[in-house]
Amino acid sequence: MTREEIAEINPDALMCDGFDEAIIGMAERINLGPVVAYDVDKIIEILMRDMEVDEVDLDDTSLPDLKYEMAIEHFEYNIKGAWMGEFTPVFIQKNL
């Protein structure tokens, strides 16, 4: 689903910059308009891919493990934890 398609459905829907690859569709909540739905695993993958890590921070942790931990922390606090009003996106964990 593209930004243009989303705008046709709900021009007020908010989107996360840099995570268009993680859009899986639209979701609706009771008494609220349609909002963008993101795949959490894909967001984590994008964060890890784009993340730069200082090798000093590695200690006994592997680079992929450190990137994963940092991506999860960033997602939980800065993305999932950001309430921006009724058109805030939803985040779907497909594989538990």
PDB file of N, CA and C in Angstrom:
ATOM      1  N   MET A   1       0.857  -1.172   0.000  1.00  0.00           N
ATOM      2  CA  MET A   1       0.000   0.000   0.000  1.00  0.00           C
ATOM      3  C   MET A   1       0.901   1.233   0.000  1.00  0.00           C
ATOM      4  N   THR A   2       0.613   2.157  -0.902  1.00  0.00           N
ATOM      5  CA  THR A   2       1.445   3.352  -1.034  1.00  0.00           C
ATOM      6  C   THR A   2       0.889   4.507  -0.206  1.00  0.00           C
ATOM      7  N   ARG A   3       1.711   5.522  -0.025  1.00  0.00           N
ATOM      8  CA  ARG A   3       1.268   6.728   0.679  1.00  0.00           C
ATOM      9  C   ARG A   3       0.074   7.371  -0.034  1.00  0.00           C
ATOM     10  N   GLU A   4       0.085   7.313  -1.355  1.00  0.00           N
ATOM     11  CA  GLU A   4      -1.009   7.896  -2.134  1.00  0.00           C
ATOM     12  C   GLU A   4      -2.314   7.141  -1.886  1.00  0.00           C
ATOM     13  N   GLU A   5      -2.238   5.814  -1.841  1.00  0.00           N
ATOM     14  CA  GLU A   5      -3.429   5.008  -1.571  1.00  0.00           C
ATOM     15  C   GLU A   5      -3.955   5.280  -0.166  1.00  0.00           C
ATOM     16  N   ILE A   6      -3.044   5.422   0.782  1.00  0.00           N
ATOM     17  CA  ILE A   6      -3.436   5.717   2.158  1.00  0.00           C
ATOM     18  C   ILE A   6      -4.124   7.079   2.224  1.00  0.00           C
ATOM     19  N   ALA A   7      -3.559   8.068   1.555  1.00  0.00           N
ATOM     20  CA  ALA A   7      -4.121   9.423   1.560  1.00  0.00           C
ATOM     21  C   ALA A   7      -5.529   9.444   0.962  1.00  0.00           C
ATOM     22  N   GLU A   8      -5.787   8.565  -0.012  1.00  0.00           N
ATOM     23  CA  GLU A   8      -7.137   8.488  -0.585  1.00  0.00           C
ATOM     24  C   GLU A   8      -8.135   7.938   0.427  1.00  0.00           C
ATOM     25  N   ILE A   9      -7.686   6.990   1.240  1.00  0.00           N
ATOM     26  CA  ILE A   9      -8.558   6.376   2.245  1.00  0.00           C
ATOM     27  C   ILE A   9      -8.754   7.310   3.433  1.00  0.00           C
ATOM     28  N   ASN A  10      -7.646   7.872   3.924  1.00  0.00           N
ATOM     29  CA  ASN A  10      -7.707   8.798   5.062  1.00  0.00           C
ATOM     30  C   ASN A  10      -6.570   9.812   4.934  1.00  0.00           C
ATOM     31  N   PRO A  11      -6.874  11.008   4.438  1.00  0.00           N
ATOM     32  CA  PRO A  11      -5.826  12.018   4.263  1.00  0.00           C
ATOM     33  C   PRO A  11      -5.188  12.472   5.574  1.00  0.00           C
ATOM     34  N   ASP A  12      -5.846  12.178   6.711  1.00  0.00           N
ATOM     35  CA  ASP A  12      -5.310  12.569   8.016  1.00  0.00           C
ATOM     36  C   ASP A  12      -4.469  11.477   8.677  1.00  0.00           C
ATOM     37  N   ALA A  13      -4.391  10.309   8.043  1.00  0.00           N
ATOM     38  CA  ALA A  13      -3.618   9.202   8.620  1.00  0.00           C
ATOM     39  C   ALA A  13      -2.154   9.603   8.756  1.00  0.00           C
ATOM     40  N   LEU A  14      -1.587   9.331   9.908  1.00  0.00           N
ATOM     41  CA  LEU A  14      -0.181   9.650  10.162  1.00  0.00           C
ATOM     42  C   LEU A  14       0.691   8.459   9.783  1.00  0.00           C
ATOM     43  N   MET A  15       1.881   8.770   9.271  1.00  0.00           N
ATOM     44  CA  MET A  15       2.799   7.713   8.847  1.00  0.00           C
ATOM     45  C   MET A  15       4.181   7.958   9.460  1.00  0.00           C
ATOM     46  N   CYS A  16       4.913   6.892   9.639  1.00  0.00           N
ATOM     47  CA  CYS A  16       6.265   6.951  10.187  1.00  0.00           C
ATOM     48  C   CYS A  16       7.250   7.114   9.029  1.00  0.00           C
ATOM     49  N   ASP A  17       8.005   8.192   9.050  1.00  0.00           N
ATOM     50  CA  ASP A  17       8.986   8.429   7.990  1.00  0.00           C
ATOM     51  C   ASP A  17      10.053   7.340   7.974  1.00  0.00           C
ATOM     52  N   GLY A  18      10.353   6.861   6.778  1.00  0.00           N
ATOM     53  CA  GLY A  18      11.413   5.876   6.603  1.00  0.00           C
ATOM     54  C   GLY A  18      10.979   4.432   6.741  1.00  0.00           C
ATOM     55  N   PHE A  19       9.686   4.207   6.954  1.00  0.00           N
ATOM     56  CA  PHE A  19       9.228   2.835   7.190  1.00  0.00           C
ATOM     57  C   PHE A  19       8.120   2.402   6.229  1.00  0.00           C
ATOM     58  N   ASP A  20       8.106   2.986   5.031  1.00  0.00           N
ATOM     59  CA  ASP A  20       7.067   2.632   4.058  1.00  0.00           C
ATOM     60  C   ASP A  20       7.089   1.144   3.723  1.00  0.00           C
ATOM     61  N   GLU A  21       8.272   0.520   3.722  1.00  0.00           N
ATOM     62  CA  GLU A  21       8.383  -0.925   3.440  1.00  0.00           C
ATOM     63  C   GLU A  21       7.641  -1.770   4.463  1.00  0.00           C
ATOM     64  N   ALA A  22       7.400  -1.217   5.645  1.00  0.00           N
ATOM     65  CA  ALA A  22       6.777  -1.970   6.730  1.00  0.00           C
ATOM     66  C   ALA A  22       5.258  -1.805   6.775  1.00  0.00           C
ATOM     67  N   ILE A  23       4.694  -1.008   5.877  1.00  0.00           N
ATOM     68  CA  ILE A  23       3.244  -0.817   5.859  1.00  0.00           C
ATOM     69  C   ILE A  23       2.590  -2.098   5.356  1.00  0.00           C
ATOM     70  N   ILE A  24       1.618  -2.596   6.133  1.00  0.00           N
ATOM     71  CA  ILE A  24       0.910  -3.807   5.726  1.00  0.00           C
ATOM     72  C   ILE A  24      -0.553  -3.532   5.394  1.00  0.00           C
ATOM     73  N   GLY A  25      -0.990  -2.301   5.578  1.00  0.00           N
ATOM     74  CA  GLY A  25      -2.372  -1.967   5.241  1.00  0.00           C
ATOM     75  C   GLY A  25      -2.927  -0.910   6.167  1.00  0.00           C
ATOM     76  N   MET A  26      -4.244  -0.930   6.292  1.00  0.00           N
ATOM     77  CA  MET A  26      -4.953   0.017   7.146  1.00  0.00           C
ATOM     78  C   MET A  26      -5.696  -0.785   8.213  1.00  0.00           C
ATOM     79  N   ALA A  27      -5.911  -0.157   9.352  1.00  0.00           N
ATOM     80  CA  ALA A  27      -6.654  -0.788  10.442  1.00  0.00           C
ATOM     81  C   ALA A  27      -7.676   0.214  10.957  1.00  0.00           C
ATOM     82  N   GLU A  28      -8.747  -0.311  11.515  1.00  0.00           N
ATOM     83  CA  GLU A  28      -9.769   0.559  12.083  1.00  0.00           C
ATOM     84  C   GLU A  28      -9.991   0.198  13.537  1.00  0.00           C
ATOM     85  N   ARG A  29     -10.248   1.242  14.322  1.00  0.00           N
ATOM     86  CA  ARG A  29     -10.578   1.068  15.728  1.00  0.00           C
ATOM     87  C   ARG A  29     -11.959   1.670  15.950  1.00  0.00           C
ATOM     88  N   ILE A  30     -12.664   1.207  16.919  1.00  0.00           N
ATOM     89  CA  ILE A  30     -14.017   1.679  17.150  1.00  0.00           C
ATOM     90  C   ILE A  30     -14.041   3.198  17.330  1.00  0.00           C
ATOM     91  N   ASN A  31     -14.951   3.824  16.617  1.00  0.00           N
ATOM     92  CA  ASN A  31     -15.165   5.276  16.668  1.00  0.00           C
ATOM     93  C   ASN A  31     -13.983   6.099  16.171  1.00  0.00           C
ATOM     94  N   LEU A  32     -13.041   5.487  15.499  1.00  0.00           N
ATOM     95  CA  LEU A  32     -11.899   6.211  14.936  1.00  0.00           C
ATOM     96  C   LEU A  32     -11.749   5.825  13.472  1.00  0.00           C
ATOM     97  N   GLY A  33     -11.258   6.743  12.674  1.00  0.00           N
ATOM     98  CA  GLY A  33     -11.058   6.491  11.254  1.00  0.00           C
ATOM     99  C   GLY A  33      -9.947   5.499  11.002  1.00  0.00           C
ATOM    100  N   PRO A  34      -9.787   5.087   9.753  1.00  0.00           N
ATOM    101  CA  PRO A  34      -8.729   4.140   9.407  1.00  0.00           C
ATOM    102  C   PRO A  34      -7.342   4.747   9.631  1.00  0.00           C
ATOM    103  N   VAL A  35      -6.439   3.917  10.125  1.00  0.00           N
ATOM    104  CA  VAL A  35      -5.056   4.333  10.377  1.00  0.00           C
ATOM    105  C   VAL A  35      -4.107   3.351   9.704  1.00  0.00           C
ATOM    106  N   VAL A  36      -2.881   3.770   9.532  1.00  0.00           N
ATOM    107  CA  VAL A  36      -1.873   2.925   8.903  1.00  0.00           C
ATOM    108  C   VAL A  36      -1.467   1.818   9.876  1.00  0.00           C
ATOM    109  N   ALA A  37      -1.309   0.602   9.339  1.00  0.00           N
ATOM    110  CA  ALA A  37      -0.855  -0.546  10.124  1.00  0.00           C
ATOM    111  C   ALA A  37       0.540  -0.947   9.652  1.00  0.00           C
ATOM    112  N   TYR A  38       1.444  -1.099  10.613  1.00  0.00           N
ATOM    113  CA  TYR A  38       2.834  -1.449  10.322  1.00  0.00           C
ATOM    114  C   TYR A  38       3.169  -2.823  10.880  1.00  0.00           C
ATOM    115  N   ASP A  39       4.063  -3.529  10.203  1.00  0.00           N
ATOM    116  CA  ASP A  39       4.605  -4.814  10.644  1.00  0.00           C
ATOM    117  C   ASP A  39       5.795  -4.526  11.561  1.00  0.00           C
ATOM    118  N   VAL A  40       5.678  -4.898  12.829  1.00  0.00           N
ATOM    119  CA  VAL A  40       6.722  -4.625  13.818  1.00  0.00           C
ATOM    120  C   VAL A  40       8.050  -5.268  13.411  1.00  0.00           C
ATOM    121  N   ASP A  41       8.017  -6.515  12.966  1.00  0.00           N
ATOM    122  CA  ASP A  41       9.266  -7.202  12.601  1.00  0.00           C
ATOM    123  C   ASP A  41       9.986  -6.482  11.468  1.00  0.00           C
ATOM    124  N   LYS A  42       9.229  -5.957  10.515  1.00  0.00           N
ATOM    125  CA  LYS A  42       9.837  -5.234   9.388  1.00  0.00           C
ATOM    126  C   LYS A  42      10.436  -3.914   9.872  1.00  0.00           C
ATOM    127  N   ILE A  43       9.773  -3.240  10.808  1.00  0.00           N
ATOM    128  CA  ILE A  43      10.326  -1.999  11.368  1.00  0.00           C
ATOM    129  C   ILE A  43      11.651  -2.295  12.060  1.00  0.00           C
ATOM    130  N   ILE A  44      11.696  -3.361  12.845  1.00  0.00           N
ATOM    131  CA  ILE A  44      12.931  -3.738  13.551  1.00  0.00           C
ATOM    132  C   ILE A  44      14.025  -4.040  12.535  1.00  0.00           C
ATOM    133  N   GLU A  45      13.675  -4.756  11.478  1.00  0.00           N
ATOM    134  CA  GLU A  45      14.641  -5.080  10.417  1.00  0.00           C
ATOM    135  C   GLU A  45      15.207  -3.803   9.780  1.00  0.00           C
ATOM    136  N   ILE A  46      14.351  -2.833   9.505  1.00  0.00           N
ATOM    137  CA  ILE A  46      14.792  -1.565   8.906  1.00  0.00           C
ATOM    138  C   ILE A  46      15.692  -0.804   9.878  1.00  0.00           C
ATOM    139  N   LEU A  47      15.302  -0.757  11.126  1.00  0.00           N
ATOM    140  CA  LEU A  47      16.126  -0.074  12.128  1.00  0.00           C
ATOM    141  C   LEU A  47      17.505  -0.709  12.225  1.00  0.00           C
ATOM    142  N   MET A  48      17.555  -2.032  12.260  1.00  0.00           N
ATOM    143  CA  MET A  48      18.836  -2.732  12.367  1.00  0.00           C
ATOM    144  C   MET A  48      19.706  -2.481  11.141  1.00  0.00           C
ATOM    145  N   ARG A  49      19.090  -2.480   9.977  1.00  0.00           N
ATOM    146  CA  ARG A  49      19.828  -2.263   8.729  1.00  0.00           C
ATOM    147  C   ARG A  49      20.454  -0.873   8.700  1.00  0.00           C
ATOM    148  N   ASP A  50      19.728   0.111   9.184  1.00  0.00           N
ATOM    149  CA  ASP A  50      20.176   1.500   9.106  1.00  0.00           C
ATOM    150  C   ASP A  50      20.987   1.955  10.319  1.00  0.00           C
ATOM    151  N   MET A  51      21.084   1.110  11.322  1.00  0.00           N
ATOM    152  CA  MET A  51      21.712   1.494  12.580  1.00  0.00           C
ATOM    153  C   MET A  51      23.236   1.427  12.509  1.00  0.00           C
ATOM    154  N   GLU A  52      23.860   2.430  13.069  1.00  0.00           N
ATOM    155  CA  GLU A  52      25.312   2.435  13.206  1.00  0.00           C
ATOM    156  C   GLU A  52      25.647   2.180  14.666  1.00  0.00           C
ATOM    157  N   VAL A  53      26.591   1.282  14.891  1.00  0.00           N
ATOM    158  CA  VAL A  53      26.966   0.906  16.248  1.00  0.00           C
ATOM    159  C   VAL A  53      28.453   1.123  16.428  1.00  0.00           C
ATOM    160  N   ASP A  54      28.806   1.747  17.537  1.00  0.00           N
ATOM    161  CA  ASP A  54      30.208   1.942  17.876  1.00  0.00           C
ATOM    162  C   ASP A  54      30.730   0.624  18.440  1.00  0.00           C
ATOM    163  N   GLU A  55      31.819   0.118  17.887  1.00  0.00           N
ATOM    164  CA  GLU A  55      32.356  -1.176  18.320  1.00  0.00           C
ATOM    165  C   GLU A  55      32.733  -1.184  19.805  1.00  0.00           C
ATOM    166  N   VAL A  56      32.932  -0.025  20.385  1.00  0.00           N
ATOM    167  CA  VAL A  56      33.232   0.072  21.817  1.00  0.00           C
ATOM    168  C   VAL A  56      32.050  -0.442  22.635  1.00  0.00           C
ATOM    169  N   ASP A  57      30.833  -0.295  22.110  1.00  0.00           N
ATOM    170  CA  ASP A  57      29.629  -0.720  22.827  1.00  0.00           C
ATOM    171  C   ASP A  57      29.401  -2.225  22.803  1.00  0.00           C
ATOM    172  N   LEU A  58      30.192  -2.963  22.017  1.00  0.00           N
ATOM    173  CA  LEU A  58      29.952  -4.391  21.838  1.00  0.00           C
ATOM    174  C   LEU A  58      30.177  -5.226  23.092  1.00  0.00           C
ATOM    175  N   ASP A  59      31.224  -4.976  23.841  1.00  0.00           N
ATOM    176  CA  ASP A  59      31.576  -5.807  25.004  1.00  0.00           C
ATOM    177  C   ASP A  59      31.557  -7.275  24.589  1.00  0.00           C
ATOM    178  N   ASP A  60      30.712  -8.084  25.237  1.00  0.00           N
ATOM    179  CA  ASP A  60      30.627  -9.517  24.925  1.00  0.00           C
ATOM    180  C   ASP A  60      29.434  -9.839  24.030  1.00  0.00           C
ATOM    181  N   THR A  61      28.801  -8.814  23.492  1.00  0.00           N
ATOM    182  CA  THR A  61      27.618  -8.998  22.660  1.00  0.00           C
ATOM    183  C   THR A  61      28.008  -8.974  21.188  1.00  0.00           C
ATOM    184  N   SER A  62      27.373  -9.830  20.404  1.00  0.00           N
ATOM    185  CA  SER A  62      27.648  -9.826  18.967  1.00  0.00           C
ATOM    186  C   SER A  62      27.006  -8.586  18.343  1.00  0.00           C
ATOM    187  N   LEU A  63      27.521  -8.167  17.211  1.00  0.00           N
ATOM    188  CA  LEU A  63      26.990  -6.990  16.527  1.00  0.00           C
ATOM    189  C   LEU A  63      25.500  -7.149  16.184  1.00  0.00           C
ATOM    190  N   PRO A  64      25.071  -8.281  15.616  1.00  0.00           N
ATOM    191  CA  PRO A  64      23.633  -8.435  15.332  1.00  0.00           C
ATOM    192  C   PRO A  64      22.765  -8.379  16.600  1.00  0.00           C
ATOM    193  N   ASP A  65      23.249  -8.985  17.690  1.00  0.00           N
ATOM    194  CA  ASP A  65      22.486  -8.963  18.938  1.00  0.00           C
ATOM    195  C   ASP A  65      22.374  -7.542  19.489  1.00  0.00           C
ATOM    196  N   LEU A  66      23.455  -6.786  19.432  1.00  0.00           N
ATOM    197  CA  LEU A  66      23.443  -5.417  19.926  1.00  0.00           C
ATOM    198  C   LEU A  66      22.514  -4.552  19.074  1.00  0.00           C
ATOM    199  N   LYS A  67      22.600  -4.720  17.756  1.00  0.00           N
ATOM    200  CA  LYS A  67      21.712  -3.958  16.868  1.00  0.00           C
ATOM    201  C   LYS A  67      20.247  -4.296  17.146  1.00  0.00           C
ATOM    202  N   TYR A  68      19.964  -5.570  17.378  1.00  0.00           N
ATOM    203  CA  TYR A  68      18.598  -5.988  17.675  1.00  0.00           C
ATOM    204  C   TYR A  68      18.107  -5.335  18.969  1.00  0.00           C
ATOM    205  N   GLU A  69      18.911  -5.400  20.009  1.00  0.00           N
ATOM    206  CA  GLU A  69      18.540  -4.798  21.297  1.00  0.00           C
ATOM    207  C   GLU A  69      18.301  -3.293  21.153  1.00  0.00           C
ATOM    208  N   MET A  70      19.180  -2.625  20.435  1.00  0.00           N
ATOM    209  CA  MET A  70      19.048  -1.183  20.237  1.00  0.00           C
ATOM    210  C   MET A  70      17.818  -0.846  19.386  1.00  0.00           C
ATOM    211  N   ALA A  71      17.536  -1.667  18.385  1.00  0.00           N
ATOM    212  CA  ALA A  71      16.372  -1.442  17.526  1.00  0.00           C
ATOM    213  C   ALA A  71      15.074  -1.618  18.317  1.00  0.00           C
ATOM    214  N   ILE A  72      15.013  -2.650  19.139  1.00  0.00           N
ATOM    215  CA  ILE A  72      13.830  -2.886  19.972  1.00  0.00           C
ATOM    216  C   ILE A  72      13.611  -1.704  20.914  1.00  0.00           C
ATOM    217  N   GLU A  73      14.662  -1.270  21.568  1.00  0.00           N
ATOM    218  CA  GLU A  73      14.560  -0.151  22.505  1.00  0.00           C
ATOM    219  C   GLU A  73      14.083   1.115  21.784  1.00  0.00           C
ATOM    220  N   HIS A  74      14.659   1.389  20.629  1.00  0.00           N
ATOM    221  CA  HIS A  74      14.268   2.575  19.864  1.00  0.00           C
ATOM    222  C   HIS A  74      12.804   2.471  19.437  1.00  0.00           C
ATOM    223  N   PHE A  75      12.405   1.305  18.930  1.00  0.00           N
ATOM    224  CA  PHE A  75      11.022   1.115  18.499  1.00  0.00           C
ATOM    225  C   PHE A  75      10.052   1.303  19.656  1.00  0.00           C
ATOM    226  N   GLU A  76      10.295   0.622  20.770  1.00  0.00           N
ATOM    227  CA  GLU A  76       9.383   0.675  21.910  1.00  0.00           C
ATOM    228  C   GLU A  76       9.200   2.104  22.435  1.00  0.00           C
ATOM    229  N   TYR A  77      10.280   2.833  22.554  1.00  0.00           N
ATOM    230  CA  TYR A  77      10.222   4.157  23.161  1.00  0.00           C
ATOM    231  C   TYR A  77       9.824   5.243  22.168  1.00  0.00           C
ATOM    232  N   ASN A  78      10.449   5.270  21.006  1.00  0.00           N
ATOM    233  CA  ASN A  78      10.286   6.392  20.079  1.00  0.00           C
ATOM    234  C   ASN A  78       9.199   6.215  19.028  1.00  0.00           C
ATOM    235  N   ILE A  79       8.848   4.993  18.707  1.00  0.00           N
ATOM    236  CA  ILE A  79       7.872   4.770  17.647  1.00  0.00           C
ATOM    237  C   ILE A  79       6.558   4.267  18.248  1.00  0.00           C
ATOM    238  N   LYS A  80       6.583   3.111  18.826  1.00  0.00           N
ATOM    239  CA  LYS A  80       5.372   2.539  19.421  1.00  0.00           C
ATOM    240  C   LYS A  80       4.853   3.405  20.562  1.00  0.00           C
ATOM    241  N   GLY A  81       5.758   4.002  21.300  1.00  0.00           N
ATOM    242  CA  GLY A  81       5.373   4.795  22.466  1.00  0.00           C
ATOM    243  C   GLY A  81       4.934   6.215  22.161  1.00  0.00           C
ATOM    244  N   ALA A  82       4.880   6.593  20.897  1.00  0.00           N
ATOM    245  CA  ALA A  82       4.514   7.966  20.534  1.00  0.00           C
ATOM    246  C   ALA A  82       3.031   8.039  20.194  1.00  0.00           C
ATOM    247  N   TRP A  83       2.253   8.711  21.014  1.00  0.00           N
ATOM    248  CA  TRP A  83       0.834   8.936  20.737  1.00  0.00           C
ATOM    249  C   TRP A  83       0.710  10.296  20.084  1.00  0.00           C
ATOM    250  N   MET A  84       0.162  10.335  18.873  1.00  0.00           N
ATOM    251  CA  MET A  84       0.062  11.583  18.122  1.00  0.00           C
ATOM    252  C   MET A  84      -1.388  11.918  17.794  1.00  0.00           C
ATOM    253  N   GLY A  85      -2.307  11.357  18.549  1.00  0.00           N
ATOM    254  CA  GLY A  85      -3.715  11.643  18.321  1.00  0.00           C
ATOM    255  C   GLY A  85      -4.442  10.460  17.704  1.00  0.00           C
ATOM    256  N   GLU A  86      -5.678  10.721  17.308  1.00  0.00           N
ATOM    257  CA  GLU A  86      -6.544   9.632  16.863  1.00  0.00           C
ATOM    258  C   GLU A  86      -6.079   8.938  15.587  1.00  0.00           C
ATOM    259  N   PHE A  87      -5.183   9.562  14.829  1.00  0.00           N
ATOM    260  CA  PHE A  87      -4.716   8.930  13.590  1.00  0.00           C
ATOM    261  C   PHE A  87      -3.312   8.345  13.725  1.00  0.00           C
ATOM    262  N   THR A  88      -2.892   8.119  14.977  1.00  0.00           N
ATOM    263  CA  THR A  88      -1.623   7.454  15.248  1.00  0.00           C
ATOM    264  C   THR A  88      -1.661   6.046  14.651  1.00  0.00           C
ATOM    265  N   PRO A  89      -0.597   5.621  13.980  1.00  0.00           N
ATOM    266  CA  PRO A  89      -0.580   4.276  13.391  1.00  0.00           C
ATOM    267  C   PRO A  89      -0.689   3.181  14.452  1.00  0.00           C
ATOM    268  N   VAL A  90      -1.022   1.991  13.989  1.00  0.00           N
ATOM    269  CA  VAL A  90      -1.000   0.807  14.850  1.00  0.00           C
ATOM    270  C   VAL A  90       0.161  -0.069  14.399  1.00  0.00           C
ATOM    271  N   PHE A  91       0.645  -0.883  15.328  1.00  0.00           N
ATOM    272  CA  PHE A  91       1.816  -1.733  15.072  1.00  0.00           C
ATOM    273  C   PHE A  91       1.427  -3.171  15.357  1.00  0.00           C
ATOM    274  N   ILE A  92       1.592  -4.012  14.345  1.00  0.00           N
ATOM    275  CA  ILE A  92       1.124  -5.385  14.420  1.00  0.00           C
ATOM    276  C   ILE A  92       2.304  -6.343  14.495  1.00  0.00           C
ATOM    277  N   GLN A  93       2.272  -7.186  15.517  1.00  0.00           N
ATOM    278  CA  GLN A  93       3.277  -8.234  15.692  1.00  0.00           C
ATOM    279  C   GLN A  93       2.710  -9.501  15.076  1.00  0.00           C
ATOM    280  N   LYS A  94       3.173  -9.872  13.888  1.00  0.00           N
ATOM    281  CA  LYS A  94       2.602 -11.001  13.159  1.00  0.00           C
ATOM    282  C   LYS A  94       3.124 -12.341  13.651  1.00  0.00           C
ATOM    283  N   ASN A  95       4.361 -12.399  14.079  1.00  0.00           N
ATOM    284  CA  ASN A  95       4.962 -13.680  14.457  1.00  0.00           C
ATOM    285  C   ASN A  95       5.342 -13.658  15.929  1.00  0.00           C
ATOM    286  N   LEU A  96       4.541 -14.307  16.736  1.00  0.00           N
ATOM    287  CA  LEU A  96       4.838 -14.366  18.173  1.00  0.00           C
ATOM    288  C   LEU A  96       5.413 -15.702  18.548  1.00  0.00           C
TER     289      LEU A  96
END
